[in-house]
C-alpha atoms as a PDB file:
ATOM      1  CA  MET A   1       0.831 -12.112  12.636  1.00  0.00           C
ATOM      2  CA  SER A   2      -1.711 -10.566  10.397  1.00  0.00           C
ATOM      3  CA  ASP A   3      -3.179 -12.772   7.457  1.00  0.00           C
ATOM      4  CA  ASN A   4      -3.134  -9.697   5.109  1.00  0.00           C
ATOM      5  CA  ILE A   5      -0.515 -10.794   2.460  1.00  0.00           C
ATOM      6  CA  ALA A   6       0.057  -8.804  -0.693  1.00  0.00           C
ATOM      7  CA  THR A   7      -0.677 -10.425  -3.974  1.00  0.00           C
ATOM      8  CA  SER A   8       0.958  -7.701  -6.157  1.00  0.00           C
ATOM      9  CA  PRO A   9       4.037  -5.220  -6.012  1.00  0.00           C
ATOM     10  CA  GLU A  10       3.799  -2.844  -3.069  1.00  0.00           C
ATOM     11  CA  PRO A  11       6.101   0.288  -3.195  1.00  0.00           C
ATOM     12  CA  ARG A  12       9.015   0.114  -0.706  1.00  0.00           C
ATOM     13  CA  LEU A  13       9.517   2.495   1.892  1.00  0.00           C
ATOM     14  CA  ILE A  14      13.291   2.452   1.989  1.00  0.00           C
ATOM     15  CA  LEU A  15      15.080   2.770  -1.541  1.00  0.00           C
ATOM     16  CA  GLU A  16      18.629   2.450  -2.664  1.00  0.00           C
ATOM     17  CA  THR A  17      20.842   5.234  -4.030  1.00  0.00           C
ATOM     18  CA  GLY A  18      23.768   5.169  -6.602  1.00  0.00           C
ATOM     19  CA  ILE A  19      24.571   1.895  -8.380  1.00  0.00           C
ATOM     20  CA  GLU A  20      22.167  -0.094  -6.157  1.00  0.00           C
ATOM     21  CA  ALA A  21      19.445   2.257  -7.360  1.00  0.00           C
ATOM     22  CA  GLN A  22      20.249   1.781 -10.979  1.00  0.00           C
ATOM     23  CA  VAL A  23      20.121  -2.132 -10.542  1.00  0.00           C
ATOM     24  CA  ALA A  24      16.769  -1.875  -8.799  1.00  0.00           C
ATOM     25  CA  ALA A  25      15.290   0.210 -11.499  1.00  0.00           C
ATOM     26  CA  ILE A  26      16.574  -2.413 -14.120  1.00  0.00           C
ATOM     27  CA  ILE A  27      15.531  -5.740 -12.232  1.00  0.00           C
ATOM     28  CA  GLU A  28      12.133  -4.852 -10.451  1.00  0.00           C
ATOM     29  CA  PRO A  29      10.047  -4.992 -13.715  1.00  0.00           C
ATOM     30  CA  VAL A  30      11.691  -8.432 -14.508  1.00  0.00           C
ATOM     31  CA  ILE A  31      11.280 -10.055 -11.230  1.00  0.00           C
ATOM     32  CA  HIS A  32       7.723  -8.388 -10.830  1.00  0.00           C
ATOM     33  CA  SER A  33       6.448 -10.081 -13.880  1.00  0.00           C
ATOM     34  CA  MET A  34       7.722 -13.371 -12.475  1.00  0.00           C
ATOM     35  CA  GLY A  35       5.645 -12.957  -9.414  1.00  0.00           C
ATOM     36  CA  TYR A  36       8.497 -11.806  -6.928  1.00  0.00           C
ATOM     37  CA  GLN A  37       9.213  -8.486  -5.243  1.00  0.00           C
ATOM     38  CA  LEU A  38      12.431  -6.785  -4.533  1.00  0.00           C
ATOM     39  CA  VAL A  39      13.380  -6.581  -0.700  1.00  0.00           C
ATOM     40  CA  ARG A  40      16.798  -4.951  -0.856  1.00  0.00           C
ATOM     41  CA  ILE A  41      20.011  -4.460  -2.862  1.00  0.00           C
ATOM     42  CA  ARG A  42      23.460  -3.954  -1.555  1.00  0.00           C
ATOM     43  CA  THR A  43      26.985  -4.195  -2.817  1.00  0.00           C
ATOM     44  CA  ASN A  44      30.228  -4.819  -0.955  1.00  0.00           C
ATOM     45  CA  GLY A  45      33.793  -5.780  -1.691  1.00  0.00           C
ATOM     46  CA  GLU A  46      33.631  -9.520  -0.857  1.00  0.00           C
ATOM     47  CA  ASN A  47      34.739 -11.809  -3.737  1.00  0.00           C
ATOM     48  CA  GLY A  48      36.179  -8.741  -5.534  1.00  0.00           C
ATOM     49  CA  PHE A  49      32.876  -7.208  -5.728  1.00  0.00           C
ATOM     50  CA  THR A  50      29.300  -8.647  -4.839  1.00  0.00           C
ATOM     51  CA  LEU A  51      26.051  -7.503  -5.802  1.00  0.00           C
ATOM     52  CA  GLN A  52      23.575  -8.970  -3.062  1.00  0.00           C
ATOM     53  CA  ILE A  53      19.704  -9.103  -4.348  1.00  0.00           C
ATOM     54  CA  MET A  54      17.105  -9.942  -1.723  1.00  0.00           C
ATOM     55  CA  ALA A  55      13.686 -10.917  -2.953  1.00  0.00           C
ATOM     56  CA  GLU A  56      10.620 -12.836  -2.176  1.00  0.00           C
ATOM     57  CA  ARG A  57       7.229 -14.066  -3.500  1.00  0.00           C
ATOM     58  CA  PHE A  58       4.230 -11.710  -2.760  1.00  0.00           C
ATOM     59  CA  ASP A  59       3.254 -14.204  -0.139  1.00  0.00           C
ATOM     60  CA  GLY A  60       6.706 -13.866   1.643  1.00  0.00           C
ATOM     61  CA  THR A  61       8.053 -17.253   0.787  1.00  0.00           C
ATOM     62  CA  MET A  62      11.231 -17.774  -1.155  1.00  0.00           C
ATOM     63  CA  THR A  63      13.043 -21.104  -2.084  1.00  0.00           C
ATOM     64  CA  VAL A  64      16.505 -22.011  -3.654  1.00  0.00           C
ATOM     65  CA  GLU A  65      14.539 -22.739  -6.842  1.00  0.00           C
ATOM     66  CA  ASP A  66      13.162 -19.182  -6.749  1.00  0.00           C
ATOM     67  CA  CYS A  67      16.424 -17.763  -6.284  1.00  0.00           C
ATOM     68  CA  GLU A  68      17.860 -19.555  -9.091  1.00  0.00           C
ATOM     69  CA  ALA A  69      15.005 -18.620 -11.501  1.00  0.00           C
ATOM     70  CA  ILE A  70      15.556 -14.867 -10.528  1.00  0.00           C
ATOM     71  CA  SER A  71      19.279 -15.107 -11.129  1.00  0.00           C
ATOM     72  CA  ARG A  72      18.676 -16.817 -14.703  1.00  0.00           C
ATOM     73  CA  ALA A  73      16.242 -13.928 -15.464  1.00  0.00           C
ATOM     74  CA  ILE A  74      18.136 -11.141 -14.399  1.00  0.00           C
ATOM     75  CA  SER A  75      21.683 -11.901 -15.213  1.00  0.00           C
ATOM     76  CA  PRO A  76      21.428 -11.516 -18.978  1.00  0.00           C
ATOM     77  CA  VAL A  77      19.483  -8.094 -18.573  1.00  0.00           C
ATOM     78  CA  LEU A  78      22.238  -6.900 -16.138  1.00  0.00           C
ATOM     79  CA  GLU A  79      24.768  -7.822 -18.766  1.00  0.00           C
ATOM     80  CA  VAL A  80      23.104  -5.717 -21.557  1.00  0.00           C
ATOM     81  CA  GLU A  81      22.273  -2.763 -19.438  1.00  0.00           C
ATOM     82  CA  ASP A  82      25.655  -2.913 -17.635  1.00  0.00           C
ATOM     83  CA  PRO A  83      25.318  -0.687 -14.576  1.00  0.00           C
ATOM     84  CA  ILE A  84      28.194  -2.090 -12.819  1.00  0.00           C
ATOM     85  CA  ASP A  85      31.512  -1.264 -14.185  1.00  0.00           C
ATOM     86  CA  ARG A  86      33.645  -4.145 -12.918  1.00  0.00           C
ATOM     87  CA  ALA A  87      33.451  -7.831 -12.630  1.00  0.00           C
ATOM     88  CA  TYR A  88      31.037  -8.892  -9.841  1.00  0.00           C
ATOM     89  CA  HIS A  89      29.656 -11.875  -8.048  1.00  0.00           C
ATOM     90  CA  LEU A  90      25.616 -12.056  -7.991  1.00  0.00           C
ATOM     91  CA  GLU A  91      24.096 -13.379  -4.964  1.00  0.00           C
ATOM     92  CA  LEU A  92      20.460 -13.814  -4.507  1.00  0.00           C
ATOM     93  CA  SER A  93      18.738 -14.551  -1.242  1.00  0.00           C
ATOM     94  CA  SER A  94      15.622 -14.620   0.802  1.00  0.00           C
ATOM     95  CA  PRO A  95      14.842 -12.045   3.494  1.00  0.00           C
ATOM     96  CA  GLY A  96      15.148 -14.693   6.299  1.00  0.00           C
ATOM     97  CA  ILE A  97      13.158 -14.825   9.401  1.00  0.00           C
ATOM     98  CA  ASP A  98      14.648 -11.857  11.048  1.00  0.00           C
ATOM     99  CA  ARG A  99      13.919  -9.956   7.745  1.00  0.00           C
ATOM    100  CA  PRO A 100      14.179  -6.312   6.830  1.00  0.00           C
ATOM    101  CA  MET A 101      11.061  -4.259   7.000  1.00  0.00           C
ATOM    102  CA  VAL A 102      10.757  -2.499   3.768  1.00  0.00           C
ATOM    103  CA  ARG A 103       7.200  -2.200   3.078  1.00  0.00           C
ATOM    104  CA  LYS A 104       3.854  -1.152   4.966  1.00  0.00           C
ATOM    105  CA  GLY A 105       2.791  -4.638   4.368  1.00  0.00           C
ATOM    106  CA  ASP A 106       5.600  -6.159   6.291  1.00  0.00           C
ATOM    107  CA  PHE A 107       4.598  -4.346   9.417  1.00  0.00           C
ATOM    108  CA  ARG A 108       1.030  -5.350   8.924  1.00  0.00           C
ATOM    109  CA  ARG A 109       1.911  -8.802   8.095  1.00  0.00           C
ATOM    110  CA  TRP A 110       4.177  -9.057  11.203  1.00  0.00           C
ATOM    111  CA  GLN A 111       2.015  -6.968  13.663  1.00  0.00           C
ATOM    112  CA  GLY A 112       2.542  -8.224  17.100  1.00  0.00           C
ATOM    113  CA  HIS A 113       6.347  -9.187  16.846  1.00  0.00           C
ATOM    114  CA  LEU A 114       9.353  -7.508  18.033  1.00  0.00           C
ATOM    115  CA  VAL A 115      11.082  -5.020  15.644  1.00  0.00           C
ATOM    116  CA  LYS A 116      14.120  -2.553  15.847  1.00  0.00           C
ATOM    117  CA  CYS A 117      14.207   0.448  13.744  1.00  0.00           C
ATOM    118  CA  GLU A 118      15.885   3.847  13.034  1.00  0.00           C
ATOM    119  CA  THR A 119      14.227   6.910  11.886  1.00  0.00           C
ATOM    120  CA  THR A 120      15.523   9.917   9.845  1.00  0.00           C
ATOM    121  CA  VAL A 121      14.353  12.543  12.397  1.00  0.00           C
ATOM    122  CA  LEU A 122      14.103  12.585  16.153  1.00  0.00           C
ATOM    123  CA  ILE A 123      10.804  10.996  17.601  1.00  0.00           C
ATOM    124  CA  GLU A 124      10.492  11.387  21.218  1.00  0.00           C
ATOM    125  CA  ASN A 125      13.955  12.601  21.413  1.00  0.00           C
ATOM    126  CA  ARG A 126      15.565   9.560  19.778  1.00  0.00           C
ATOM    127  CA  LYS A 127      16.167   7.886  16.414  1.00  0.00           C
ATOM    128  CA  ARG A 128      16.521   4.261  17.511  1.00  0.00           C
ATOM    129  CA  PHE A 129      13.640   2.076  18.886  1.00  0.00           C
ATOM    130  CA  ARG A 130      12.893  -1.467  19.868  1.00  0.00           C
ATOM    131  CA  GLY A 131       9.622  -2.982  20.665  1.00  0.00           C
ATOM    132  CA  TRP A 132       6.508  -4.902  19.619  1.00  0.00           C
ATOM    133  CA  ILE A 133       4.394  -3.821  16.518  1.00  0.00           C
ATOM    134  CA  GLU A 134       1.284  -2.979  18.118  1.00  0.00           C
ATOM    135  CA  ASP A 135      -0.861  -1.042  15.474  1.00  0.00           C
ATOM    136  CA  VAL A 136      -0.233  -0.296  11.755  1.00  0.00           C
ATOM    137  CA  THR A 137      -2.137   2.599   9.657  1.00  0.00           C
ATOM    138  CA  ASP A 138      -1.294   3.747   6.230  1.00  0.00           C
ATOM    139  CA  GLU A 139       0.691   6.634   7.611  1.00  0.00           C
ATOM    140  CA  ALA A 140       2.504   5.033  10.614  1.00  0.00           C
ATOM    141  CA  PHE A 141       2.967   2.148  12.902  1.00  0.00           C
ATOM    142  CA  VAL A 142       2.956   2.042  16.818  1.00  0.00           C
ATOM    143  CA  ILE A 143       5.443   0.208  18.631  1.00  0.00           C
ATOM    144  CA  ASP A 144       5.148  -0.986  22.395  1.00  0.00           C
ATOM    145  CA  ARG A 145       8.801  -0.506  23.417  1.00  0.00           C
ATOM    146  CA  ASP A 146      10.516  -3.073  25.451  1.00  0.00           C
ATOM    147  CA  ASP A 147      13.418  -0.906  26.612  1.00  0.00           C
ATOM    148  CA  PRO A 148      11.934   2.620  27.628  1.00  0.00           C
ATOM    149  CA  ALA A 149      13.936   4.631  30.324  1.00  0.00           C
ATOM    150  CA  ALA A 150      12.024   5.747  33.237  1.00  0.00           C
ATOM    151  CA  ASP A 151      11.479   9.385  31.804  1.00  0.00           C
ATOM    152  CA  GLU A 152      10.354   7.905  28.354  1.00  0.00           C
ATOM    153  CA  VAL A 153       7.041   6.933  26.798  1.00  0.00           C
ATOM    154  CA  LYS A 154       6.442   3.177  26.117  1.00  0.00           C
ATOM    155  CA  GLU A 155       4.187   3.541  23.149  1.00  0.00           C
ATOM    156  CA  VAL A 156       5.671   5.468  19.980  1.00  0.00           C
ATOM    157  CA  THR A 157       4.152   6.269  16.873  1.00  0.00           C
ATOM    158  CA  ILE A 158       6.515   6.122  13.814  1.00  0.00           C
ATOM    159  CA  PRO A 159       5.287   7.790  10.726  1.00  0.00           C
ATOM    160  CA  PHE A 160       6.469   5.515   7.485  1.00  0.00           C
ATOM    161  CA  SER A 161       7.772   8.732   6.075  1.00  0.00           C
ATOM    162  CA  ALA A 162      10.369   8.792   9.043  1.00  0.00           C
ATOM    163  CA  LEU A 163      11.672   5.235   8.531  1.00  0.00           C
ATOM    164  CA  ALA A 164      15.291   4.885   7.695  1.00  0.00           C
ATOM    165  CA  GLU A 165      15.667   1.152   8.616  1.00  0.00           C
ATOM    166  CA  GLY A 166      13.668  -1.663  10.302  1.00  0.00           C
ATOM    167  CA  LYS A 167      14.314  -5.360  10.921  1.00  0.00           C
ATOM    168  CA  LEU A 168      12.462  -8.071  12.747  1.00  0.00           C
ATOM    169  CA  ILE A 169      14.104  -9.428  15.989  1.00  0.00           C
ATOM    170  CA  LEU A 170      14.548 -13.181  16.208  1.00  0.00           C
ATOM    171  CA  THR A 171      12.159 -14.659  18.998  1.00  0.00           C
ATOM    172  CA  ASP A 172      10.827 -18.092  19.241  1.00  0.00           C
ATOM    173  CA  GLU A 173       7.429 -16.581  18.583  1.00  0.00           C
ATOM    174  CA  LEU A 174       8.773 -15.110  15.412  1.00  0.00           C
ATOM    175  CA  ILE A 175      10.188 -18.460  14.363  1.00  0.00           C
ATOM    176  CA  ASP A 176       6.932 -20.431  14.995  1.00  0.00           C
ATOM    177  CA  ALA A 177       4.806 -17.719  13.134  1.00  0.00           C
ATOM    178  CA  ALA A 178       7.238 -17.863  10.208  1.00  0.00           C
ATOM    179  CA  LEU A 179       7.220 -21.635   9.743  1.00  0.00           C
ATOM    180  CA  LYS A 180       3.393 -21.694  10.147  1.00  0.00           C
ATOM    181  CA  ALA A 181       3.242 -18.900   7.454  1.00  0.00           C
ATOM    182  CA  ASP A 182       5.806 -20.724   5.052  1.00  0.00           C
ATOM    183  CA  LYS A 183       3.669 -24.025   5.445  1.00  0.00           C
ATOM    184  CA  GLN A 184       0.274 -22.308   4.611  1.00  0.00           C
ATOM    185  CA  ALA A 185       2.137 -20.575   1.694  1.00  0.00           C
ATOM    186  CA  LYS A 186       3.364 -23.849   0.270  1.00  0.00           C
ATOM    187  CA  LYS A 187       0.099 -25.649   0.699  1.00  0.00           C
ATOM    188  CA  ALA A 188      -1.623 -22.801  -1.089  1.00  0.00           C
ATOM    189  CA  GLN A 189       0.786 -23.020  -3.834  1.00  0.00           C
ATOM    190  CA  ALA A 190       0.472 -26.778  -4.180  1.00  0.00           C
ATOM    191  CA  ALA A 191      -3.318 -26.361  -4.366  1.00  0.00           C
ATOM    192  CA  ALA A 192      -2.786 -23.624  -7.036  1.00  0.00           C
ATOM    193  CA  ASN A 193      -0.409 -25.821  -9.103  1.00  0.00           C
ATOM    194  CA  GLN A 194      -2.959 -28.661  -8.856  1.00  0.00           C
ATOM    195  CA  ASN A 195      -5.863 -26.469 -10.130  1.00  0.00           C
ATOM    196  CA  ASN A 196      -3.500 -25.133 -13.040  1.00  0.00           C
ATOM    197  CA  THR A 197      -2.887 -28.840 -13.865  1.00  0.00           C
ATOM    198  CA  ALA A 198      -6.533 -29.586 -13.777  1.00  0.00           C
ATOM    199  CA  ASP A 199      -7.265 -26.516 -16.081  1.00  0.00           C
ATOM    200  CA  ASP A 200      -4.802 -27.812 -18.554  1.00  0.00           C
ATOM    201  CA  ALA A 201      -6.117 -31.207 -18.690  1.00  0.00           C
ATOM    202  CA  ASP A 202      -9.561 -29.886 -19.359  1.00  0.00           C
ATOM    203  CA  GLU A 203      -8.247 -27.748 -22.256  1.00  0.00           C
ATOM    204  CA  GLU A 204      -6.651 -30.786 -23.928  1.00  0.00           C
END
């Protein structure tokens, strides 16, 4: 896993349409100002109508308290803007370990891990791929396929502009890396909070 972690919002490669796009336009500025970035928005017919919002901190972590903070911040904004013309249930969540891959930084951060993805155009005569993220550039990522047929290439370069969907595949290595990254991020956050407390004390 790469240590290259974003400290500010990065544009998403995969965007919503319709009502979900309207919601994204409303809430993204709010959560960015709080130190979070949007991962994905989906709606479904569960519980009448459910608005599912997936978000995370810039370092990739997300706690129950973070979800509650975002919910409190965006609920009144959504009530005022009223993009959904019916009663709905708001659901906040983290991306999870087998997360959606929606930013270039996601591929950089999880380089070396197993991913499955779908493209908008044919690449090497197919649109669905599965393999390890081998390399990442500003324009594309390279995967080392784990399931090529005898007449297919093993290494495939997929332009970010052609990405329709991507998701990490759960492996023991991914779980270990995710737990390690979460521990490091929480340690860094605790150190930052301690420094802020010290600074506040100095000002007094």
